[in-house]
Protein backbone atom coordinates (compact mmCIF):
# COMPACT_ATOMS: atom_id res chain seq x y z
CA MET A 1 -8.33 68.80 50.09
CA PRO A 2 -6.99 71.20 48.07
CA LEU A 3 -8.73 72.38 44.67
CA ASP A 4 -6.17 71.68 41.93
CA ILE A 5 -5.94 74.92 40.01
CA LEU A 6 -4.55 74.56 36.29
CA VAL A 7 -4.02 77.06 33.60
CA PRO A 8 -3.09 76.86 30.51
CA TYR A 9 -1.07 79.59 29.23
CA TRP A 10 -0.76 80.91 25.59
CA GLY A 11 -0.36 85.58 25.84
CA ASP A 12 -0.13 87.60 27.54
CA PRO A 13 2.67 87.16 30.78
CA ARG A 14 1.07 90.17 32.09
CA LEU A 15 -2.07 89.05 32.57
CA LEU A 16 -1.53 85.40 33.45
CA ARG A 17 0.65 87.34 36.22
CA GLN A 18 -2.63 88.79 37.62
CA THR A 19 -4.71 85.07 37.24
CA VAL A 20 -1.46 83.20 39.35
CA ARG A 21 -1.55 86.69 42.10
CA SER A 22 -5.33 85.78 42.31
CA VAL A 23 -4.49 82.21 43.65
CA LEU A 24 -1.85 83.60 46.10
CA ALA A 25 -5.18 85.83 46.78
CA GLN A 26 -7.35 83.60 48.38
CA ASP A 27 -8.90 83.68 51.96
CA SER A 28 -8.33 79.57 51.99
CA PRO A 29 -4.84 78.30 52.12
CA ASP A 30 -6.43 74.91 50.08
CA TRP A 31 -5.29 74.95 46.76
CA VAL A 32 -2.37 73.43 44.66
CA LEU A 33 -1.32 75.50 41.15
CA THR A 34 0.06 74.32 37.90
CA VAL A 35 0.80 76.94 34.94
CA VAL A 36 0.95 74.62 31.42
CA ASP A 37 2.58 77.01 29.29
CA ASP A 38 2.17 75.53 25.88
CA ALA A 39 6.14 77.18 24.55
CA TYR A 40 4.90 80.27 24.68
CA PRO A 41 7.60 82.10 22.84
CA ASP A 42 8.53 84.91 25.29
CA LEU A 43 10.42 83.29 28.28
CA THR A 44 8.89 85.60 30.45
CA VAL A 45 6.79 83.56 32.64
CA ARG A 46 9.18 81.23 33.25
CA ASP A 47 11.30 83.11 34.80
CA TRP A 48 8.98 85.17 36.32
CA MET A 49 6.92 81.85 37.99
CA ALA A 50 10.81 80.41 38.86
CA THR A 51 10.62 83.34 41.73
CA ILE A 52 7.73 81.93 43.50
CA ASP A 53 8.96 80.70 47.03
CA ASP A 54 4.96 78.27 47.68
CA PRO A 55 5.96 74.71 47.51
CA ARG A 56 1.80 75.01 46.41
CA VAL A 57 2.40 76.23 43.27
CA ARG A 58 4.11 74.53 40.15
CA TYR A 59 5.00 75.46 36.44
CA VAL A 60 5.87 73.16 33.59
CA ARG A 61 6.73 73.93 30.24
CA ASN A 62 5.21 72.10 26.85
CA ALA A 63 7.83 70.94 24.68
CA ARG A 64 6.61 72.61 21.57
CA ASN A 65 3.64 74.13 21.20
CA GLU A 66 0.37 71.49 20.96
CA GLY A 67 -2.75 73.62 20.80
CA ILE A 68 -5.05 74.25 23.47
CA THR A 69 -7.25 70.96 23.17
CA ALA A 70 -4.18 69.14 24.07
CA THR A 71 -2.73 71.70 26.40
CA PHE A 72 -6.79 70.99 28.14
CA ARG A 73 -5.70 67.17 28.27
CA ARG A 74 -2.05 67.49 29.83
CA CYS A 75 -3.57 69.67 32.24
CA VAL A 76 -5.96 66.52 33.51
CA GLU A 77 -3.22 64.37 33.31
CA LEU A 78 -0.84 66.40 35.69
CA ALA A 79 -4.13 67.13 38.09
CA THR A 80 -3.70 64.91 41.60
CA GLN A 81 -6.75 66.62 43.73
CA GLU A 82 -10.52 65.44 43.57
CA ARG A 83 -12.13 68.30 42.18
CA VAL A 84 -10.29 70.68 39.35
CA VAL A 85 -10.59 73.79 38.21
CA LEU A 86 -8.93 75.04 34.71
CA PRO A 87 -8.90 78.11 35.03
CA GLY A 88 -8.18 81.10 31.59
CA CYS A 89 -4.98 82.46 31.21
CA ASP A 90 -6.69 86.07 31.77
CA ASP A 91 -9.03 85.00 34.51
CA VAL A 92 -8.86 86.33 37.99
CA LEU A 93 -10.17 84.15 41.27
CA LEU A 94 -12.17 86.45 43.20
CA PRO A 95 -10.61 85.71 47.11
CA GLY A 96 -13.33 83.41 48.01
CA TYR A 97 -12.93 81.67 45.10
CA VAL A 98 -11.49 78.02 46.27
CA SER A 99 -13.40 78.51 50.15
CA THR A 100 -16.91 78.31 47.69
CA VAL A 101 -16.11 75.95 45.42
CA LEU A 102 -14.71 73.43 48.43
CA ALA A 103 -17.61 73.97 50.31
CA ALA A 104 -19.89 73.24 47.74
CA HIS A 105 -17.38 70.23 47.11
CA ARG A 106 -17.78 69.02 50.96
CA ALA A 107 -22.00 69.21 50.20
CA HIS A 108 -21.91 67.41 46.78
CA PRO A 109 -19.13 65.52 46.51
CA GLU A 110 -20.89 63.38 43.98
CA VAL A 111 -21.37 66.00 41.73
CA ALA A 112 -19.86 65.74 38.20
CA VAL A 113 -19.68 70.18 37.82
CA ILE A 114 -20.05 73.67 39.63
CA GLN A 115 -20.78 76.53 37.96
CA PRO A 116 -19.76 79.67 40.09
CA GLY A 117 -21.37 82.85 40.36
CA VAL A 118 -19.07 84.71 38.20
CA ARG A 119 -18.67 88.45 37.17
CA VAL A 120 -17.31 89.70 33.52
CA ILE A 121 -14.92 91.71 33.40
CA ASP A 122 -13.22 93.54 29.98
CA ALA A 123 -9.38 93.62 29.23
CA SER A 124 -8.58 96.61 31.68
CA GLY A 125 -10.28 94.43 34.62
CA ALA A 126 -13.64 97.09 34.58
CA ALA A 127 -16.63 94.94 35.22
CA VAL A 128 -18.70 94.88 31.60
CA ASN A 129 -22.19 93.03 30.88
CA PRO A 130 -22.16 93.00 27.29
CA PRO A 131 -24.62 91.02 25.43
CA ALA A 132 -23.19 88.50 24.70
CA ASP A 133 -23.54 88.06 29.01
CA ARG A 134 -27.18 88.95 29.17
CA VAL A 135 -27.95 86.59 26.76
CA LYS A 136 -26.24 84.03 29.35
CA ALA A 137 -27.47 85.00 32.32
CA LEU A 138 -31.72 85.64 30.36
CA LEU A 139 -30.75 81.73 29.20
CA ARG A 140 -29.55 80.40 32.74
CA PRO A 141 -32.08 78.48 34.82
CA ARG A 142 -33.43 79.44 38.17
CA ALA A 143 -32.01 76.79 40.27
CA THR A 144 -29.59 77.92 42.28
CA GLY A 145 -27.90 75.55 45.14
CA ARG A 146 -29.24 73.17 43.16
CA VAL A 147 -27.84 69.75 41.61
CA LEU A 148 -29.15 70.00 37.96
CA ARG A 149 -29.23 66.38 35.94
CA GLY A 150 -30.88 64.52 32.54
CA GLU A 151 -32.29 65.75 29.87
CA ARG A 152 -33.39 68.86 31.70
CA LEU A 153 -30.51 69.55 31.23
CA ALA A 154 -28.88 68.84 28.73
CA THR A 155 -32.39 70.64 26.30
CA SER A 156 -30.71 74.03 28.55
CA LEU A 157 -27.20 74.10 27.53
CA LEU A 158 -28.14 72.97 23.61
CA HIS A 159 -30.63 76.59 24.00
CA GLY A 160 -27.61 78.37 25.03
CA ASP A 161 -24.61 77.78 26.57
CA TRP A 162 -24.97 80.05 29.62
CA MET A 163 -21.67 77.95 31.48
CA TYR A 164 -18.22 79.87 32.28
CA PHE A 165 -15.56 76.95 31.30
CA PRO A 166 -12.88 78.35 32.65
CA SER A 167 -14.67 78.90 36.18
CA LEU A 168 -16.22 75.36 35.80
CA ALA A 169 -15.03 72.86 38.46
CA PHE A 170 -15.00 69.17 38.02
CA ARG A 171 -14.25 65.90 39.50
CA ARG A 172 -11.17 64.51 38.22
CA GLU A 173 -12.05 60.67 38.16
CA THR A 174 -15.47 62.54 35.45
CA LEU A 175 -12.80 64.32 33.59
CA LEU A 176 -10.25 61.50 32.98
CA ALA A 177 -13.10 59.43 31.84
CA THR A 178 -14.37 62.52 29.13
CA PRO A 179 -11.80 63.79 26.96
CA PHE A 180 -11.72 66.46 25.00
CA GLN A 181 -13.46 65.89 21.62
CA GLN A 182 -10.66 66.66 18.78
CA GLY A 183 -11.57 68.97 16.62
CA ARG A 184 -14.01 70.45 18.67
CA ALA A 185 -12.21 73.66 19.30
CA VAL A 186 -14.54 76.26 18.90
CA ILE A 187 -17.13 74.60 21.06
CA GLN A 188 -14.91 71.89 23.30
CA ASP A 189 -16.25 72.92 26.22
CA LEU A 190 -20.34 72.51 25.82
CA ALA A 191 -19.27 68.95 24.17
CA LEU A 192 -17.21 68.44 27.31
CA VAL A 193 -19.93 68.49 30.00
CA ILE A 194 -23.04 67.27 28.00
CA ASP A 195 -20.72 64.25 27.48
CA MET A 196 -21.12 64.44 31.21
CA VAL A 197 -24.52 64.96 31.07
CA ALA A 198 -25.33 62.12 27.88
CA ALA A 199 -23.53 59.69 31.14
CA GLY A 200 -25.59 60.46 33.75
CA GLU A 201 -24.02 63.29 35.53
CA GLY A 202 -25.39 66.11 37.49
CA LEU A 203 -24.10 69.91 36.91
CA LEU A 204 -24.45 72.69 40.77
CA ILE A 205 -25.10 75.96 40.30
CA GLU A 206 -23.37 77.66 43.14
CA PRO A 207 -24.71 81.01 43.38
CA GLU A 208 -21.68 83.01 45.56
CA VAL A 209 -20.30 85.62 42.81
CA CYS A 210 -16.23 84.24 42.66
CA PHE A 211 -15.25 84.39 39.70
CA ALA A 212 -14.12 87.13 36.99
CA TYR A 213 -14.09 85.77 33.67
CA ARG A 214 -12.12 88.27 31.28
CA ARG A 215 -14.14 89.09 27.59
CA HIS A 216 -12.18 90.50 25.56
CA ALA A 217 -13.82 93.19 22.66
CA SER A 218 -13.34 91.52 19.16
CA ALA A 219 -11.89 94.08 15.98
CA SER A 220 -13.91 91.96 13.48
CA ALA A 221 -16.57 90.09 13.06
CA PRO A 222 -15.70 86.03 13.44
CA GLY A 223 -14.94 84.07 10.33
CA THR A 224 -17.63 81.36 9.17
CA ALA A 225 -15.14 78.84 10.39
CA ARG A 226 -16.69 78.74 13.64
CA PHE A 227 -20.47 78.48 13.00
CA GLU A 228 -19.67 75.78 10.72
CA GLY A 229 -17.98 73.95 13.26
CA GLU A 230 -20.76 74.76 15.21
CA VAL A 231 -23.23 73.34 12.99
CA GLU A 232 -21.25 70.06 13.02
CA TYR A 233 -21.33 69.65 16.58
CA PHE A 234 -24.54 70.09 17.61
CA ARG A 235 -25.86 68.44 14.23
CA ASP A 236 -23.60 65.07 15.99
CA ALA A 237 -25.48 65.95 19.42
CA ALA A 238 -28.64 65.83 18.88
CA ALA A 239 -27.99 62.90 17.30
CA GLN A 240 -26.13 61.44 20.32
CA MET A 241 -30.01 62.35 21.95
CA ARG A 242 -31.71 60.62 20.34
CA ALA A 243 -29.62 57.52 20.92
CA LEU A 244 -30.78 58.31 24.75
CA GLY A 245 -33.78 58.88 23.62
CA TRP A 246 -34.24 62.59 24.85
CA ARG A 247 -37.07 64.17 22.09
CA ARG A 248 -36.77 67.54 23.76
CA ALA A 249 -32.53 67.81 23.60
CA ASP A 250 -32.81 66.55 20.09
CA ARG A 251 -34.83 68.98 19.26
CA ALA A 252 -32.84 72.06 21.33
CA ALA A 253 -29.78 70.41 18.81
CA ARG A 254 -31.43 70.69 16.22
CA TRP A 255 -32.66 74.40 16.64
CA ARG A 256 -29.51 75.07 18.31
CA VAL A 257 -31.60 78.67 18.19
CA THR A 258 -28.62 80.74 20.38
CA SER A 259 -26.30 79.70 17.34
CA ARG A 260 -28.23 80.68 14.32
CA LEU A 261 -28.45 83.47 16.44
CA HIS A 262 -25.13 84.67 16.10
CA ALA A 263 -24.58 84.04 12.90
CA LEU A 264 -27.82 86.38 11.65
CA MET A 265 -25.68 89.08 14.71
CA THR A 266 -22.69 88.88 12.81
CA LEU A 267 -24.01 88.66 8.84
CA ALA A 268 -25.68 92.05 10.21
CA ALA A 269 -22.52 93.32 11.75
CA PRO A 270 -20.35 95.82 9.69
CA GLY A 271 -17.11 93.63 9.08
CA ALA A 272 -18.69 90.37 8.26
CA THR A 273 -17.58 88.81 5.03
CA ASP A 274 -18.41 85.75 3.08
CA ARG A 275 -22.03 86.61 3.99
CA ARG A 276 -23.76 83.86 1.62
CA SER A 277 -22.28 81.77 3.55
CA LEU A 278 -23.07 83.07 6.92
CA TRP A 279 -26.32 83.46 4.97
CA ARG A 280 -26.80 79.35 4.73
CA LEU A 281 -25.31 78.88 8.15
CA ALA A 282 -27.66 81.24 9.87
CA VAL A 283 -30.41 79.22 8.51
CA SER A 284 -29.99 75.98 8.38
CA ARG A 285 -31.13 72.56 10.23
CA GLY A 286 -29.89 70.01 11.61
């Protein structure tokens, strides 16, 4: 069974080429790759993809720019295999990614989500460990090799999202049954997985490091729109958890500790603007 790799593309052609080459360099041949170009104005990627002579590789271009959520949905529609991954167009699959994920799938075919081990890299490809990723490491459950599910998993993720969405390998039928939420651009990855957990699905933490997630340094502090979107999501998630009778998960969503801490850190940053709104978002609770 091949692994279905679908890459939503909008951005630097050079980095996309690195992503594609990392797939071609896998130590397992059991994969198929689709690049979904969201009508990026530069046609460099289209022309370069046409030079790849491999029946496992295809290139699809949207007729017009649809945005990231719609392009994710298009990727899911194009998926044909049992296990699906949606890497970013600047991420790198280490040589053992496909073999590691498929082995985990064979051991746990019923699991909706596989989270493999991840290395964080910067724009140049060098390994880095910035504060956001140190926090993720602290939050991640010490349950490698085990399947997590139910209120325990929901509570953990709502305390702080320790997943790396582009590295996640999903069961296709679960992705088809769980649509990306409209209007959740800043937090759609967490919203998607929480919906799966609420429906009874599980997540496997695979310890083997086989994926390189690229984190770009930001030149400016996040605007208030990001945090407003988070406040709205966590309010809705709390209601979702209450409906399930998951009191700890409800409390985690209402407190949204890491989201509030992020807002406070942004408030203290030199480039922060609209500090009054940031303070309101940092101290508000659902």
